[in-house]
Amino acid sequence: PAEIAGRLRTGESNIADHFEDATVIFADVVGFGKITARMKAYEIVGCLNQLFSEFDRLAEDVAVEKIKTIGDNYMAVAGVPRPRPGHARTAAKLALDMIAATARLQPRLPVPFSIRVGLHSGPVMAGVIGTRKFAYDVWGDTVNIAARIEAASQPNRVLISAATAKMLGGDFKMDGPHKIDNKEQRELEGFFISLL
């Protein structure tokens, strides 16, 4: 982000800011390994580039910070690097827009595929560490839970945590709660959302 780059230019290093409340978004291509097994490298990169470029545009339109892509996984956060009210609502709407964008792109892709999306809201640390290949990143339990929620989601659906659901109020239709299995054996509940 521009303000973080400015802080680095003025000599600040090991930037780490605490945000009391943000919403982490993970999106993942369902069955990516199987889908791409018989594709050429340039086709795989072309597909992901089309998809993630569209996600970038959608995120930028609503001022949500893209954090990174890891393979076929896309990560963004609403509520950093500036705190903002309504971050959960913005993230939920963006997540549904990402599902719709993936459906719109299908005719242009060599192989049809779907995504699943997961969201969780809570405190995060955000910043830049290291001395090479600077990247703005986020850390904390909220990020880990968001990843678990995404893994439990279903093709072409958005699953949100109970914490995120509480922040949305009545703006979305919710299906749940659903129990989410996770490695840590903690009680996690999720809700599938759609527009009213």
N, C-alpha and C. Protein backbone atom coordinates (compact mmCIF):
# COMPACT_ATOMS: atom_id res chain seq x y z
N PRO A 1 0.83 -1.21 0.00
CA PRO A 1 0.00 0.00 0.00
C PRO A 1 0.87 1.26 0.00
N ALA A 2 0.36 2.32 -0.64
CA ALA A 2 1.14 3.56 -0.78
C ALA A 2 1.66 4.10 0.55
N GLU A 3 0.81 4.09 1.59
CA GLU A 3 1.26 4.66 2.86
C GLU A 3 2.36 3.81 3.50
N ILE A 4 2.34 2.51 3.26
CA ILE A 4 3.38 1.63 3.80
C ILE A 4 4.68 1.84 3.04
N ALA A 5 4.57 1.98 1.71
CA ALA A 5 5.76 2.26 0.89
C ALA A 5 6.40 3.57 1.35
N GLY A 6 5.58 4.56 1.65
CA GLY A 6 6.09 5.85 2.15
C GLY A 6 6.85 5.69 3.45
N ARG A 7 6.34 4.88 4.34
CA ARG A 7 7.02 4.64 5.63
C ARG A 7 8.36 3.94 5.41
N LEU A 8 8.41 3.01 4.47
CA LEU A 8 9.68 2.33 4.16
C LEU A 8 10.70 3.31 3.59
N ARG A 9 10.23 4.21 2.71
CA ARG A 9 11.12 5.20 2.10
C ARG A 9 11.73 6.14 3.12
N THR A 10 11.01 6.41 4.20
CA THR A 10 11.54 7.31 5.21
C THR A 10 12.45 6.58 6.21
N GLY A 11 12.73 5.30 5.91
CA GLY A 11 13.69 4.57 6.73
C GLY A 11 13.10 3.66 7.78
N GLU A 12 11.78 3.65 7.90
CA GLU A 12 11.16 2.75 8.88
C GLU A 12 11.36 1.30 8.41
N SER A 13 11.67 0.42 9.34
CA SER A 13 11.81 -1.00 8.97
C SER A 13 11.02 -1.84 9.95
N ASN A 14 10.82 -3.09 9.60
CA ASN A 14 10.01 -4.00 10.43
C ASN A 14 8.68 -3.35 10.83
N ILE A 15 7.94 -2.94 9.82
CA ILE A 15 6.64 -2.31 10.06
C ILE A 15 5.65 -3.37 10.52
N ALA A 16 5.07 -3.18 11.68
CA ALA A 16 4.05 -4.09 12.19
C ALA A 16 2.98 -3.28 12.92
N ASP A 17 1.78 -3.29 12.38
CA ASP A 17 0.67 -2.55 12.97
C ASP A 17 -0.39 -3.53 13.44
N HIS A 18 -1.01 -3.22 14.56
CA HIS A 18 -2.09 -4.06 15.08
C HIS A 18 -3.43 -3.44 14.68
N PHE A 19 -4.32 -4.28 14.15
CA PHE A 19 -5.67 -3.84 13.81
C PHE A 19 -6.63 -4.67 14.64
N GLU A 20 -7.44 -3.99 15.40
CA GLU A 20 -8.37 -4.68 16.31
C GLU A 20 -9.41 -5.49 15.56
N ASP A 21 -9.76 -5.01 14.37
CA ASP A 21 -10.84 -5.66 13.63
C ASP A 21 -10.65 -5.53 12.13
N ALA A 22 -10.60 -6.66 11.44
CA ALA A 22 -10.49 -6.69 9.98
C ALA A 22 -11.14 -7.99 9.51
N THR A 23 -11.41 -8.09 8.23
CA THR A 23 -11.97 -9.33 7.68
C THR A 23 -11.03 -9.89 6.62
N VAL A 24 -10.60 -11.12 6.84
CA VAL A 24 -9.68 -11.81 5.93
C VAL A 24 -10.49 -12.66 4.96
N ILE A 25 -10.13 -12.57 3.68
CA ILE A 25 -10.80 -13.29 2.60
C ILE A 25 -9.81 -14.25 1.95
N PHE A 26 -10.18 -15.51 1.84
CA PHE A 26 -9.41 -16.49 1.07
C PHE A 26 -10.31 -17.05 -0.02
N ALA A 27 -9.79 -17.13 -1.24
CA ALA A 27 -10.50 -17.76 -2.36
C ALA A 27 -9.54 -18.77 -2.98
N ASP A 28 -10.09 -19.90 -3.40
CA ASP A 28 -9.27 -21.00 -3.86
C ASP A 28 -9.98 -21.69 -5.03
N VAL A 29 -9.23 -22.12 -6.05
CA VAL A 29 -9.82 -22.86 -7.16
C VAL A 29 -10.06 -24.29 -6.69
N VAL A 30 -11.29 -24.77 -6.85
CA VAL A 30 -11.65 -26.12 -6.40
C VAL A 30 -11.06 -27.16 -7.35
N GLY A 31 -10.31 -28.12 -6.79
CA GLY A 31 -9.74 -29.21 -7.59
C GLY A 31 -8.70 -28.76 -8.59
N PHE A 32 -7.93 -27.74 -8.23
CA PHE A 32 -6.97 -27.13 -9.16
C PHE A 32 -5.98 -28.14 -9.72
N GLY A 33 -5.44 -29.02 -8.88
CA GLY A 33 -4.46 -30.01 -9.33
C GLY A 33 -5.00 -30.91 -10.43
N LYS A 34 -6.22 -31.40 -10.25
CA LYS A 34 -6.85 -32.27 -11.26
C LYS A 34 -7.14 -31.51 -12.54
N ILE A 35 -7.66 -30.30 -12.38
CA ILE A 35 -8.04 -29.49 -13.55
C ILE A 35 -6.83 -29.21 -14.43
N THR A 36 -5.70 -28.90 -13.79
CA THR A 36 -4.53 -28.44 -14.55
C THR A 36 -3.57 -29.57 -14.93
N ALA A 37 -3.86 -30.80 -14.53
CA ALA A 37 -2.93 -31.91 -14.77
C ALA A 37 -2.58 -32.08 -16.25
N ARG A 38 -3.53 -31.81 -17.13
CA ARG A 38 -3.26 -32.00 -18.57
C ARG A 38 -3.14 -30.67 -19.32
N MET A 39 -2.97 -29.59 -18.58
CA MET A 39 -2.81 -28.29 -19.23
C MET A 39 -1.33 -27.92 -19.35
N LYS A 40 -1.02 -27.09 -20.31
CA LYS A 40 0.34 -26.57 -20.45
C LYS A 40 0.54 -25.42 -19.46
N ALA A 41 1.80 -25.19 -19.10
CA ALA A 41 2.12 -24.16 -18.11
C ALA A 41 1.54 -22.80 -18.50
N TYR A 42 1.67 -22.41 -19.77
CA TYR A 42 1.19 -21.09 -20.18
C TYR A 42 -0.34 -21.00 -20.09
N GLU A 43 -1.04 -22.14 -20.27
CA GLU A 43 -2.50 -22.14 -20.14
C GLU A 43 -2.92 -21.94 -18.68
N ILE A 44 -2.20 -22.63 -17.79
CA ILE A 44 -2.49 -22.52 -16.35
C ILE A 44 -2.29 -21.08 -15.89
N VAL A 45 -1.14 -20.51 -16.25
CA VAL A 45 -0.83 -19.14 -15.85
C VAL A 45 -1.83 -18.17 -16.48
N GLY A 46 -2.22 -18.42 -17.72
CA GLY A 46 -3.19 -17.57 -18.40
C GLY A 46 -4.54 -17.58 -17.69
N CYS A 47 -4.99 -18.78 -17.28
CA CYS A 47 -6.26 -18.90 -16.55
C CYS A 47 -6.21 -18.14 -15.24
N LEU A 48 -5.17 -18.41 -14.45
CA LEU A 48 -5.05 -17.75 -13.14
C LEU A 48 -4.92 -16.24 -13.29
N ASN A 49 -4.19 -15.82 -14.33
CA ASN A 49 -4.00 -14.39 -14.54
C ASN A 49 -5.34 -13.70 -14.85
N GLN A 50 -6.14 -14.33 -15.70
CA GLN A 50 -7.46 -13.75 -16.01
C GLN A 50 -8.32 -13.66 -14.75
N LEU A 51 -8.34 -14.75 -14.01
CA LEU A 51 -9.18 -14.82 -12.81
C LEU A 51 -8.72 -13.82 -11.75
N PHE A 52 -7.43 -13.85 -11.43
CA PHE A 52 -6.92 -13.01 -10.36
C PHE A 52 -6.88 -11.54 -10.75
N SER A 53 -6.71 -11.24 -12.05
CA SER A 53 -6.78 -9.84 -12.50
C SER A 53 -8.18 -9.30 -12.27
N GLU A 54 -9.19 -10.15 -12.49
CA GLU A 54 -10.57 -9.73 -12.24
C GLU A 54 -10.79 -9.52 -10.74
N PHE A 55 -10.25 -10.41 -9.91
CA PHE A 55 -10.36 -10.25 -8.45
C PHE A 55 -9.67 -8.96 -8.01
N ASP A 56 -8.49 -8.69 -8.60
CA ASP A 56 -7.76 -7.45 -8.27
C ASP A 56 -8.63 -6.22 -8.55
N ARG A 57 -9.28 -6.23 -9.71
CA ARG A 57 -10.12 -5.10 -10.10
C ARG A 57 -11.28 -4.92 -9.12
N LEU A 58 -11.93 -6.05 -8.79
CA LEU A 58 -13.06 -5.99 -7.85
C LEU A 58 -12.61 -5.48 -6.48
N ALA A 59 -11.46 -5.98 -5.99
CA ALA A 59 -10.94 -5.56 -4.68
C ALA A 59 -10.59 -4.08 -4.69
N GLU A 60 -9.96 -3.64 -5.77
CA GLU A 60 -9.56 -2.23 -5.86
C GLU A 60 -10.79 -1.32 -5.88
N ASP A 61 -11.85 -1.75 -6.56
CA ASP A 61 -13.08 -0.95 -6.65
C ASP A 61 -13.69 -0.67 -5.28
N VAL A 62 -13.50 -1.60 -4.32
CA VAL A 62 -14.10 -1.40 -2.98
C VAL A 62 -13.03 -1.14 -1.91
N ALA A 63 -11.80 -0.82 -2.36
CA ALA A 63 -10.69 -0.48 -1.46
C ALA A 63 -10.38 -1.59 -0.45
N VAL A 64 -10.38 -2.83 -0.95
CA VAL A 64 -9.95 -3.97 -0.14
C VAL A 64 -8.51 -4.29 -0.54
N GLU A 65 -7.66 -4.54 0.44
CA GLU A 65 -6.23 -4.74 0.19
C GLU A 65 -5.93 -6.19 -0.21
N LYS A 66 -5.48 -6.37 -1.47
CA LYS A 66 -5.00 -7.70 -1.87
C LYS A 66 -3.69 -7.93 -1.13
N ILE A 67 -3.55 -9.09 -0.52
CA ILE A 67 -2.32 -9.41 0.19
C ILE A 67 -1.38 -10.21 -0.70
N LYS A 68 -1.88 -11.32 -1.26
CA LYS A 68 -1.01 -12.13 -2.12
C LYS A 68 -1.80 -13.24 -2.79
N THR A 69 -1.14 -13.87 -3.75
CA THR A 69 -1.63 -15.13 -4.30
C THR A 69 -0.57 -16.17 -3.99
N ILE A 70 -1.04 -17.35 -3.62
CA ILE A 70 -0.14 -18.48 -3.39
C ILE A 70 -0.68 -19.61 -4.24
N GLY A 71 -0.04 -19.87 -5.37
CA GLY A 71 -0.58 -20.86 -6.30
C GLY A 71 -1.95 -20.44 -6.76
N ASP A 72 -2.96 -21.27 -6.50
CA ASP A 72 -4.32 -20.96 -6.93
C ASP A 72 -5.14 -20.34 -5.81
N ASN A 73 -4.47 -19.83 -4.78
CA ASN A 73 -5.15 -19.24 -3.63
C ASN A 73 -4.97 -17.72 -3.65
N TYR A 74 -6.06 -16.99 -3.45
CA TYR A 74 -6.05 -15.53 -3.46
C TYR A 74 -6.43 -15.04 -2.07
N MET A 75 -5.64 -14.11 -1.53
CA MET A 75 -5.88 -13.61 -0.18
C MET A 75 -5.99 -12.09 -0.18
N ALA A 76 -7.01 -11.58 0.50
CA ALA A 76 -7.22 -10.14 0.61
C ALA A 76 -7.76 -9.84 2.01
N VAL A 77 -7.66 -8.57 2.42
CA VAL A 77 -8.15 -8.17 3.74
C VAL A 77 -8.87 -6.82 3.65
N ALA A 78 -10.05 -6.77 4.25
CA ALA A 78 -10.78 -5.51 4.37
C ALA A 78 -10.55 -4.97 5.78
N GLY A 79 -10.14 -3.71 5.88
CA GLY A 79 -9.88 -3.11 7.19
C GLY A 79 -8.42 -2.86 7.48
N VAL A 80 -7.54 -3.06 6.52
CA VAL A 80 -6.13 -2.70 6.60
C VAL A 80 -5.75 -2.10 5.25
N PRO A 81 -4.77 -1.24 5.13
CA PRO A 81 -3.92 -0.67 6.16
C PRO A 81 -4.57 0.49 6.91
N ARG A 82 -5.85 0.78 6.60
CA ARG A 82 -6.60 1.78 7.37
C ARG A 82 -7.82 1.08 7.95
N PRO A 83 -8.05 1.25 9.25
CA PRO A 83 -9.28 0.68 9.82
C PRO A 83 -10.50 1.27 9.12
N ARG A 84 -11.54 0.46 8.95
CA ARG A 84 -12.75 0.99 8.31
C ARG A 84 -13.98 0.33 8.88
N PRO A 85 -15.01 1.12 9.12
CA PRO A 85 -16.27 0.54 9.57
C PRO A 85 -16.90 -0.25 8.42
N GLY A 86 -17.64 -1.27 8.73
CA GLY A 86 -18.32 -2.04 7.69
C GLY A 86 -17.42 -2.95 6.89
N HIS A 87 -16.22 -3.26 7.41
CA HIS A 87 -15.28 -4.10 6.64
C HIS A 87 -15.85 -5.48 6.34
N ALA A 88 -16.61 -6.07 7.27
CA ALA A 88 -17.17 -7.41 7.05
C ALA A 88 -18.19 -7.39 5.92
N ARG A 89 -19.02 -6.36 5.89
CA ARG A 89 -20.02 -6.21 4.83
C ARG A 89 -19.34 -6.05 3.47
N THR A 90 -18.30 -5.22 3.43
CA THR A 90 -17.56 -5.00 2.18
C THR A 90 -16.92 -6.30 1.72
N ALA A 91 -16.31 -7.04 2.65
CA ALA A 91 -15.65 -8.31 2.31
C ALA A 91 -16.65 -9.35 1.81
N ALA A 92 -17.82 -9.41 2.46
CA ALA A 92 -18.84 -10.39 2.06
C ALA A 92 -19.36 -10.09 0.66
N LYS A 93 -19.60 -8.82 0.38
CA LYS A 93 -20.07 -8.43 -0.96
C LYS A 93 -18.99 -8.74 -2.01
N LEU A 94 -17.73 -8.43 -1.69
CA LEU A 94 -16.62 -8.73 -2.59
C LEU A 94 -16.55 -10.23 -2.86
N ALA A 95 -16.68 -11.05 -1.82
CA ALA A 95 -16.60 -12.51 -1.97
C ALA A 95 -17.68 -13.01 -2.93
N LEU A 96 -18.91 -12.51 -2.79
CA LEU A 96 -19.99 -12.91 -3.69
C LEU A 96 -19.71 -12.42 -5.11
N ASP A 97 -19.12 -11.24 -5.25
CA ASP A 97 -18.75 -10.72 -6.57
C ASP A 97 -17.66 -11.58 -7.22
N MET A 98 -16.76 -12.13 -6.41
CA MET A 98 -15.70 -13.00 -6.93
C MET A 98 -16.30 -14.30 -7.50
N ILE A 99 -17.31 -14.83 -6.81
CA ILE A 99 -18.01 -16.03 -7.31
C ILE A 99 -18.68 -15.71 -8.65
N ALA A 100 -19.37 -14.57 -8.72
CA ALA A 100 -20.05 -14.16 -9.95
C ALA A 100 -19.06 -13.92 -11.09
N ALA A 101 -17.92 -13.31 -10.78
CA ALA A 101 -16.89 -13.03 -11.80
C ALA A 101 -16.32 -14.34 -12.35
N THR A 102 -16.12 -15.32 -11.48
CA THR A 102 -15.60 -16.62 -11.94
C THR A 102 -16.59 -17.26 -12.91
N ALA A 103 -17.87 -17.19 -12.61
CA ALA A 103 -18.90 -17.74 -13.51
C ALA A 103 -18.89 -17.01 -14.86
N ARG A 104 -18.74 -15.68 -14.82
CA ARG A 104 -18.71 -14.89 -16.06
C ARG A 104 -17.51 -15.23 -16.93
N LEU A 105 -16.39 -15.59 -16.30
CA LEU A 105 -15.15 -15.88 -17.04
C LEU A 105 -15.17 -17.25 -17.71
N GLN A 106 -16.02 -18.15 -17.28
CA GLN A 106 -16.00 -19.54 -17.77
C GLN A 106 -15.91 -19.69 -19.29
N PRO A 107 -16.72 -18.95 -20.06
CA PRO A 107 -16.65 -19.14 -21.52
C PRO A 107 -15.28 -18.78 -22.13
N ARG A 108 -14.51 -17.94 -21.44
CA ARG A 108 -13.21 -17.51 -21.98
C ARG A 108 -12.05 -18.41 -21.54
N LEU A 109 -12.31 -19.36 -20.63
CA LEU A 109 -11.24 -20.20 -20.11
C LEU A 109 -11.22 -21.55 -20.83
N PRO A 110 -10.02 -22.13 -21.03
CA PRO A 110 -9.94 -23.42 -21.74
C PRO A 110 -10.61 -24.56 -20.96
N VAL A 111 -10.65 -24.46 -19.64
CA VAL A 111 -11.26 -25.48 -18.80
C VAL A 111 -12.14 -24.77 -17.77
N PRO A 112 -13.40 -25.19 -17.63
CA PRO A 112 -14.24 -24.54 -16.62
C PRO A 112 -13.82 -24.94 -15.21
N PHE A 113 -13.87 -24.02 -14.28
CA PHE A 113 -13.60 -24.36 -12.88
C PHE A 113 -14.39 -23.45 -11.96
N SER A 114 -14.44 -23.84 -10.71
CA SER A 114 -15.17 -23.05 -9.72
C SER A 114 -14.23 -22.68 -8.58
N ILE A 115 -14.66 -21.71 -7.80
CA ILE A 115 -13.88 -21.31 -6.62
C ILE A 115 -14.74 -21.50 -5.38
N ARG A 116 -14.07 -21.55 -4.25
CA ARG A 116 -14.77 -21.49 -2.96
C ARG A 116 -14.11 -20.37 -2.18
N VAL A 117 -14.90 -19.71 -1.34
CA VAL A 117 -14.40 -18.55 -0.62
C VAL A 117 -14.74 -18.69 0.86
N GLY A 118 -13.82 -18.22 1.71
CA GLY A 118 -14.04 -18.22 3.15
C GLY A 118 -13.63 -16.90 3.77
N LEU A 119 -14.38 -16.45 4.80
CA LEU A 119 -14.11 -15.18 5.47
C LEU A 119 -14.14 -15.36 6.98
N HIS A 120 -13.26 -14.62 7.66
CA HIS A 120 -13.31 -14.55 9.12
C HIS A 120 -12.88 -13.15 9.55
N SER A 121 -13.52 -12.65 10.60
CA SER A 121 -13.23 -11.31 11.10
C SER A 121 -12.62 -11.38 12.49
N GLY A 122 -11.67 -10.50 12.76
CA GLY A 122 -11.04 -10.44 14.07
C GLY A 122 -9.77 -9.60 14.02
N PRO A 123 -8.96 -9.64 15.08
CA PRO A 123 -7.74 -8.85 15.12
C PRO A 123 -6.63 -9.45 14.24
N VAL A 124 -5.84 -8.59 13.62
CA VAL A 124 -4.69 -9.04 12.81
C VAL A 124 -3.49 -8.12 13.05
N MET A 125 -2.32 -8.66 12.80
CA MET A 125 -1.10 -7.86 12.70
C MET A 125 -0.84 -7.72 11.20
N ALA A 126 -0.41 -6.56 10.78
CA ALA A 126 -0.11 -6.34 9.36
C ALA A 126 1.17 -5.53 9.25
N GLY A 127 1.94 -5.82 8.23
CA GLY A 127 3.16 -5.05 8.04
C GLY A 127 4.11 -5.68 7.04
N VAL A 128 5.37 -5.25 7.15
CA VAL A 128 6.42 -5.68 6.24
C VAL A 128 7.62 -6.09 7.08
N ILE A 129 8.11 -7.30 6.84
CA ILE A 129 9.31 -7.75 7.55
C ILE A 129 10.35 -8.22 6.54
N GLY A 130 11.59 -8.32 6.99
CA GLY A 130 12.67 -8.77 6.12
C GLY A 130 13.38 -7.61 5.46
N THR A 131 14.36 -7.96 4.61
CA THR A 131 15.16 -6.93 3.95
C THR A 131 15.11 -7.03 2.43
N ARG A 132 14.52 -8.10 1.89
CA ARG A 132 14.43 -8.26 0.43
C ARG A 132 13.02 -8.66 0.04
N LYS A 133 12.65 -8.33 -1.20
CA LYS A 133 11.32 -8.67 -1.73
C LYS A 133 10.22 -8.27 -0.75
N PHE A 134 10.17 -7.00 -0.46
CA PHE A 134 9.18 -6.49 0.48
C PHE A 134 7.77 -6.88 0.05
N ALA A 135 6.98 -7.32 1.00
CA ALA A 135 5.58 -7.61 0.74
C ALA A 135 4.78 -7.27 1.98
N TYR A 136 3.68 -6.58 1.78
CA TYR A 136 2.77 -6.27 2.88
C TYR A 136 2.00 -7.55 3.18
N ASP A 137 1.97 -7.97 4.43
CA ASP A 137 1.34 -9.24 4.79
C ASP A 137 0.54 -9.09 6.08
N VAL A 138 -0.28 -10.07 6.39
CA VAL A 138 -1.03 -10.09 7.65
C VAL A 138 -0.82 -11.42 8.35
N TRP A 139 -0.84 -11.36 9.70
CA TRP A 139 -0.61 -12.55 10.50
C TRP A 139 -1.60 -12.62 11.65
N GLY A 140 -1.70 -13.81 12.22
CA GLY A 140 -2.50 -13.98 13.42
C GLY A 140 -3.54 -15.08 13.28
N ASP A 141 -4.18 -15.35 14.38
CA ASP A 141 -5.18 -16.41 14.46
C ASP A 141 -6.33 -16.16 13.49
N THR A 142 -6.68 -14.91 13.29
CA THR A 142 -7.78 -14.57 12.37
C THR A 142 -7.48 -15.08 10.97
N VAL A 143 -6.22 -14.97 10.54
CA VAL A 143 -5.80 -15.45 9.22
C VAL A 143 -5.93 -16.97 9.16
N ASN A 144 -5.46 -17.65 10.20
CA ASN A 144 -5.53 -19.12 10.23
C ASN A 144 -6.98 -19.61 10.18
N ILE A 145 -7.84 -18.95 10.94
CA ILE A 145 -9.25 -19.37 10.96
C ILE A 145 -9.90 -19.10 9.60
N ALA A 146 -9.58 -17.98 8.97
CA ALA A 146 -10.13 -17.68 7.64
C ALA A 146 -9.74 -18.77 6.65
N ALA A 147 -8.50 -19.26 6.74
CA ALA A 147 -8.04 -20.34 5.85
C ALA A 147 -8.84 -21.62 6.10
N ARG A 148 -9.12 -21.92 7.36
CA ARG A 148 -9.91 -23.12 7.71
C ARG A 148 -11.34 -23.00 7.18
N ILE A 149 -11.90 -21.80 7.31
CA ILE A 149 -13.26 -21.55 6.83
C ILE A 149 -13.31 -21.76 5.31
N GLU A 150 -12.32 -21.21 4.62
CA GLU A 150 -12.28 -21.36 3.15
C GLU A 150 -12.19 -22.84 2.77
N ALA A 151 -11.35 -23.60 3.46
CA ALA A 151 -11.19 -25.03 3.15
C ALA A 151 -12.50 -25.80 3.35
N ALA A 152 -13.35 -25.31 4.24
CA ALA A 152 -14.63 -25.98 4.53
C ALA A 152 -15.76 -25.50 3.61
N SER A 153 -15.49 -24.48 2.81
CA SER A 153 -16.52 -23.96 1.92
C SER A 153 -16.79 -24.95 0.79
N GLN A 154 -17.75 -24.62 -0.06
CA GLN A 154 -18.14 -25.49 -1.17
C GLN A 154 -17.99 -24.75 -2.49
N PRO A 155 -17.94 -25.50 -3.60
CA PRO A 155 -17.79 -24.84 -4.91
C PRO A 155 -18.86 -23.78 -5.15
N ASN A 156 -18.41 -22.63 -5.61
CA ASN A 156 -19.28 -21.51 -5.95
C ASN A 156 -20.09 -20.96 -4.77
N ARG A 157 -19.51 -21.10 -3.57
CA ARG A 157 -20.20 -20.60 -2.38
C ARG A 157 -19.23 -19.83 -1.49
N VAL A 158 -19.81 -18.96 -0.68
CA VAL A 158 -19.04 -18.17 0.29
C VAL A 158 -19.46 -18.64 1.69
N LEU A 159 -18.46 -19.07 2.47
CA LEU A 159 -18.70 -19.50 3.85
C LEU A 159 -18.04 -18.47 4.76
N ILE A 160 -18.80 -18.01 5.75
CA ILE A 160 -18.25 -17.02 6.69
C ILE A 160 -18.30 -17.58 8.10
N SER A 161 -17.42 -17.08 8.94
CA SER A 161 -17.40 -17.51 10.34
C SER A 161 -18.56 -16.88 11.10
N ALA A 162 -18.82 -17.41 12.29
CA ALA A 162 -19.86 -16.85 13.16
C ALA A 162 -19.52 -15.41 13.53
N ALA A 163 -18.23 -15.11 13.72
CA ALA A 163 -17.80 -13.75 14.07
C ALA A 163 -18.14 -12.78 12.94
N THR A 164 -17.90 -13.19 11.70
CA THR A 164 -18.24 -12.33 10.56
C THR A 164 -19.76 -12.21 10.43
N ALA A 165 -20.46 -13.32 10.62
CA ALA A 165 -21.93 -13.31 10.51
C ALA A 165 -22.55 -12.31 11.48
N LYS A 166 -22.00 -12.24 12.68
CA LYS A 166 -22.51 -11.32 13.71
C LYS A 166 -22.40 -9.86 13.24
N MET A 167 -21.36 -9.57 12.45
CA MET A 167 -21.14 -8.20 11.99
C MET A 167 -22.02 -7.83 10.80
N LEU A 168 -22.57 -8.81 10.12
CA LEU A 168 -23.34 -8.53 8.91
C LEU A 168 -24.78 -8.13 9.18
N GLY A 169 -25.29 -8.53 10.31
CA GLY A 169 -26.69 -8.20 10.58
C GLY A 169 -27.60 -8.89 9.58
N GLY A 170 -28.58 -8.17 9.10
CA GLY A 170 -29.55 -8.77 8.18
C GLY A 170 -29.34 -8.43 6.73
N ASP A 171 -28.13 -8.07 6.34
CA ASP A 171 -27.87 -7.65 4.96
C ASP A 171 -27.76 -8.80 3.97
N PHE A 172 -27.57 -10.02 4.47
CA PHE A 172 -27.38 -11.18 3.60
C PHE A 172 -28.26 -12.33 4.08
N LYS A 173 -28.59 -13.22 3.15
CA LYS A 173 -29.30 -14.44 3.52
C LYS A 173 -28.25 -15.42 4.04
N MET A 174 -28.51 -16.05 5.19
CA MET A 174 -27.52 -16.96 5.79
C MET A 174 -28.09 -18.36 5.95
N ASP A 175 -27.27 -19.34 5.58
CA ASP A 175 -27.62 -20.75 5.71
C ASP A 175 -26.66 -21.34 6.75
N GLY A 176 -27.19 -21.72 7.91
CA GLY A 176 -26.32 -22.27 8.95
C GLY A 176 -26.96 -22.10 10.30
N PRO A 177 -26.21 -22.37 11.36
CA PRO A 177 -24.76 -22.64 11.36
C PRO A 177 -24.41 -24.07 10.97
N HIS A 178 -23.20 -24.19 10.38
CA HIS A 178 -22.62 -25.48 10.03
C HIS A 178 -21.37 -25.67 10.87
N LYS A 179 -21.17 -26.87 11.40
CA LYS A 179 -19.98 -27.17 12.19
C LYS A 179 -18.81 -27.34 11.23
N ILE A 180 -17.67 -26.76 11.57
CA ILE A 180 -16.49 -26.83 10.71
C ILE A 180 -15.40 -27.65 11.40
N ASP A 181 -14.98 -28.71 10.73
CA ASP A 181 -13.88 -29.53 11.27
C ASP A 181 -12.58 -28.77 11.07
N ASN A 182 -11.71 -28.84 12.07
CA ASN A 182 -10.40 -28.20 11.93
C ASN A 182 -9.39 -28.94 12.78
N LYS A 183 -8.12 -28.75 12.43
CA LYS A 183 -7.03 -29.48 13.08
C LYS A 183 -6.91 -29.19 14.57
N GLU A 184 -7.25 -27.97 14.96
CA GLU A 184 -7.06 -27.57 16.37
C GLU A 184 -8.16 -28.07 17.30
N GLN A 185 -9.15 -28.77 16.75
CA GLN A 185 -10.27 -29.28 17.57
C GLN A 185 -11.02 -28.17 18.30
N ARG A 186 -11.07 -26.97 17.73
CA ARG A 186 -11.87 -25.92 18.36
C ARG A 186 -13.26 -25.89 17.73
N GLU A 187 -14.17 -25.30 18.45
CA GLU A 187 -15.54 -25.18 17.96
C GLU A 187 -15.60 -24.04 16.94
N LEU A 188 -15.78 -24.39 15.68
CA LEU A 188 -15.94 -23.37 14.66
C LEU A 188 -17.27 -23.58 13.95
N GLU A 189 -18.00 -22.48 13.76
CA GLU A 189 -19.25 -22.54 13.03
C GLU A 189 -19.19 -21.59 11.85
N GLY A 190 -19.85 -22.00 10.77
CA GLY A 190 -19.86 -21.16 9.59
C GLY A 190 -21.26 -21.05 9.01
N PHE A 191 -21.44 -20.01 8.19
CA PHE A 191 -22.72 -19.76 7.53
C PHE A 191 -22.43 -19.51 6.05
N PHE A 192 -23.17 -20.19 5.17
CA PHE A 192 -23.10 -19.85 3.75
C PHE A 192 -23.96 -18.63 3.53
N ILE A 193 -23.45 -17.70 2.73
CA ILE A 193 -24.22 -16.46 2.51
C ILE A 193 -24.59 -16.28 1.03
N SER A 194 -25.66 -15.55 0.84
CA SER A 194 -26.07 -15.11 -0.50
C SER A 194 -26.76 -13.77 -0.33
N LEU A 195 -26.97 -13.08 -1.45
CA LEU A 195 -27.64 -11.78 -1.39
C LEU A 195 -29.13 -11.98 -1.11
N LEU A 196 -29.73 -11.04 -0.42
CA LEU A 196 -31.17 -11.11 -0.13
C LEU A 196 -31.98 -10.97 -1.41
